[in-house]
Amino acid sequence: MTDDSRLRGISVSLTELGNWLLDVKEEQWIAYRDSPCISQCSHPERNEKIANLLRWGIIDHKGKFGVLLRCRGPCSERVYAMTQQACPGELIMLLENGSARAIFDGENIEPGESRSYSDPPLLEVAAETIIFLLAVFRKG
């Protein structure tokens, strides 16, 4: 597989996953670490969707665990790992629905972009904006 075809595959996979997340029913989102604005996807197909994305090699997934998150603004919270996971990790922006950009640790991030962190990143999302992301943490 050439680098160009791999990048096209990643882009298509990210778009497909983002569109799929838009169709996930409200009751299939649960509060993430008791957050009022960040929720975790509990849809039965979520692990398969994450695995399909990771097959494209967007990140090195060995020894890591992925979680699909939705954040509704206004929000200014750190994204901490769950108890069985540990930082460092990556956040991959899947989809943004709103007029304002999401900010991760003071940096604008666009859909399809990824950031690696050694400490829990600060996620800032403006009112009227919803973002979907894949959080990947090292298994503890």
Protein backbone atom coordinates (compact mmCIF):
# COMPACT_ATOMS: atom_id res chain seq x y z
CA MET A 1 0.00 0.00 0.00
CA THR A 2 1.43 3.39 -0.96
CA ASP A 3 1.54 6.27 1.51
CA ASP A 4 -1.06 8.15 -0.58
CA SER A 5 -3.53 5.25 -0.54
CA ARG A 6 -2.92 4.73 3.19
CA LEU A 7 -3.63 8.42 3.88
CA ARG A 8 -6.80 8.29 1.75
CA GLY A 9 -7.89 5.18 3.66
CA ILE A 10 -7.30 6.90 7.00
CA SER A 11 -9.24 9.97 5.88
CA VAL A 12 -12.18 7.87 4.67
CA SER A 13 -12.13 5.81 7.87
CA LEU A 14 -12.14 8.93 10.07
CA THR A 15 -15.03 10.42 8.09
CA GLU A 16 -17.01 7.18 8.22
CA LEU A 17 -16.48 6.85 11.96
CA GLY A 18 -17.49 10.48 12.54
CA ASN A 19 -20.66 10.03 10.49
CA TRP A 20 -21.46 6.80 12.35
CA LEU A 21 -21.10 8.61 15.69
CA LEU A 22 -23.69 11.18 14.60
CA ASP A 23 -26.22 8.34 14.36
CA VAL A 24 -25.49 6.85 17.80
CA LYS A 25 -28.60 7.22 19.96
CA GLU A 26 -28.52 9.51 22.98
CA GLU A 27 -29.04 6.63 25.42
CA GLN A 28 -25.83 5.02 24.07
CA TRP A 29 -23.72 7.87 25.45
CA ILE A 30 -22.71 7.65 29.11
CA ALA A 31 -20.94 10.23 31.26
CA TYR A 32 -17.17 9.91 31.05
CA ARG A 33 -15.65 10.05 34.54
CA ASP A 34 -18.82 11.80 35.81
CA SER A 35 -18.25 14.72 33.44
CA PRO A 36 -21.25 16.96 32.70
CA CYS A 37 -20.03 17.65 29.14
CA ILE A 38 -17.89 14.65 28.06
CA SER A 39 -19.60 11.34 27.34
CA GLN A 40 -18.37 7.94 26.20
CA CYS A 41 -19.96 5.83 23.46
CA SER A 42 -21.47 2.58 24.75
CA HIS A 43 -22.83 1.36 21.39
CA PRO A 44 -22.26 -2.41 20.99
CA GLU A 45 -20.33 -1.88 17.70
CA ARG A 46 -17.90 0.70 19.10
CA ASN A 47 -14.96 -1.67 19.59
CA GLU A 48 -15.25 -2.96 16.04
CA LYS A 49 -15.34 0.62 14.72
CA ILE A 50 -12.22 1.53 16.71
CA ALA A 51 -10.40 -1.62 15.54
CA ASN A 52 -11.24 -0.85 11.90
CA LEU A 53 -9.73 2.62 12.26
CA LEU A 54 -6.61 1.38 14.03
CA ARG A 55 -5.97 -1.16 11.24
CA TRP A 56 -5.03 1.75 9.01
CA GLY A 57 -2.10 2.44 11.33
CA ILE A 58 -3.11 5.94 12.33
CA ILE A 59 -1.36 5.26 15.65
CA ASP A 60 0.69 2.47 17.17
CA HIS A 61 -2.05 0.70 19.10
CA LYS A 62 -0.03 -2.09 20.75
CA GLY A 63 -0.70 -2.08 24.49
CA LYS A 64 -3.26 0.70 24.13
CA PHE A 65 -7.02 1.10 24.57
CA GLY A 66 -9.34 3.40 22.64
CA VAL A 67 -12.48 5.21 23.81
CA LEU A 68 -14.91 7.14 21.61
CA LEU A 69 -15.86 10.43 23.27
CA ARG A 70 -18.35 13.19 22.57
CA CYS A 71 -17.93 16.63 24.10
CA ARG A 72 -20.67 19.24 24.14
CA GLY A 73 -19.67 22.83 24.70
CA PRO A 74 -19.34 24.89 26.66
CA CYS A 75 -16.62 22.74 28.17
CA SER A 76 -13.21 23.28 29.72
CA GLU A 77 -12.04 19.99 31.23
CA ARG A 78 -8.98 17.78 31.37
CA VAL A 79 -9.32 14.39 29.70
CA TYR A 80 -8.11 11.95 32.34
CA ALA A 81 -7.63 8.27 31.65
CA MET A 82 -9.97 5.73 33.17
CA THR A 83 -8.55 3.82 36.15
CA GLN A 84 -7.28 0.84 34.11
CA GLN A 85 -5.58 3.12 31.60
CA ALA A 86 -2.67 5.48 31.90
CA CYS A 87 -1.30 8.50 30.09
CA PRO A 88 0.50 9.23 27.87
CA GLY A 89 -2.04 8.93 25.16
CA GLU A 90 -3.38 10.38 21.95
CA LEU A 91 -6.49 12.35 21.12
CA ILE A 92 -7.71 12.12 17.54
CA MET A 93 -10.35 14.60 16.43
CA LEU A 94 -12.98 12.76 14.39
CA LEU A 95 -15.69 15.33 13.76
CA GLU A 96 -16.61 18.84 14.80
CA ASN A 97 -20.18 20.10 14.62
CA GLY A 98 -20.38 23.82 15.28
CA SER A 99 -18.85 27.13 14.30
CA ALA A 100 -16.05 27.34 16.88
CA ARG A 101 -12.85 25.29 16.90
CA ALA A 102 -11.97 22.87 19.66
CA ILE A 103 -8.78 23.62 21.55
CA PHE A 104 -6.54 20.91 23.05
CA ASP A 105 -3.95 22.29 25.48
CA GLY A 106 -4.12 25.73 23.87
CA GLU A 107 -3.83 24.48 20.27
CA ASN A 108 -6.59 24.48 17.67
CA ILE A 109 -7.18 21.01 16.30
CA GLU A 110 -8.93 20.07 13.08
CA PRO A 111 -10.88 16.91 12.29
CA GLY A 112 -8.43 14.17 11.33
CA GLU A 113 -5.60 15.59 13.42
CA SER A 114 -4.00 13.78 16.32
CA ARG A 115 -2.09 15.01 19.36
CA SER A 116 0.01 12.99 21.81
CA TYR A 117 0.15 13.90 25.48
CA SER A 118 2.23 12.96 28.49
CA ASP A 119 -0.24 14.60 30.92
CA PRO A 120 -4.05 14.81 30.73
CA PRO A 121 -4.82 17.47 28.10
CA LEU A 122 -7.18 20.39 28.63
CA LEU A 123 -10.10 20.17 26.21
CA GLU A 124 -11.92 23.43 25.49
CA VAL A 125 -15.08 23.47 23.41
CA ALA A 126 -17.23 26.55 22.80
CA ALA A 127 -20.98 26.71 23.42
CA GLU A 128 -23.12 25.37 20.56
CA THR A 129 -20.25 23.10 19.45
CA ILE A 130 -20.06 19.31 19.68
CA ILE A 131 -16.93 17.33 18.95
CA PHE A 132 -16.28 13.62 18.60
CA LEU A 133 -12.86 12.18 19.29
CA LEU A 134 -10.96 8.97 19.81
CA ALA A 135 -8.96 8.95 23.03
CA VAL A 136 -6.22 6.33 23.11
CA PHE A 137 -4.49 5.50 26.39
CA ARG A 138 -1.73 3.10 27.34
CA LYS A 139 -3.05 0.08 29.21
CA GLY A 140 -2.10 0.21 32.88
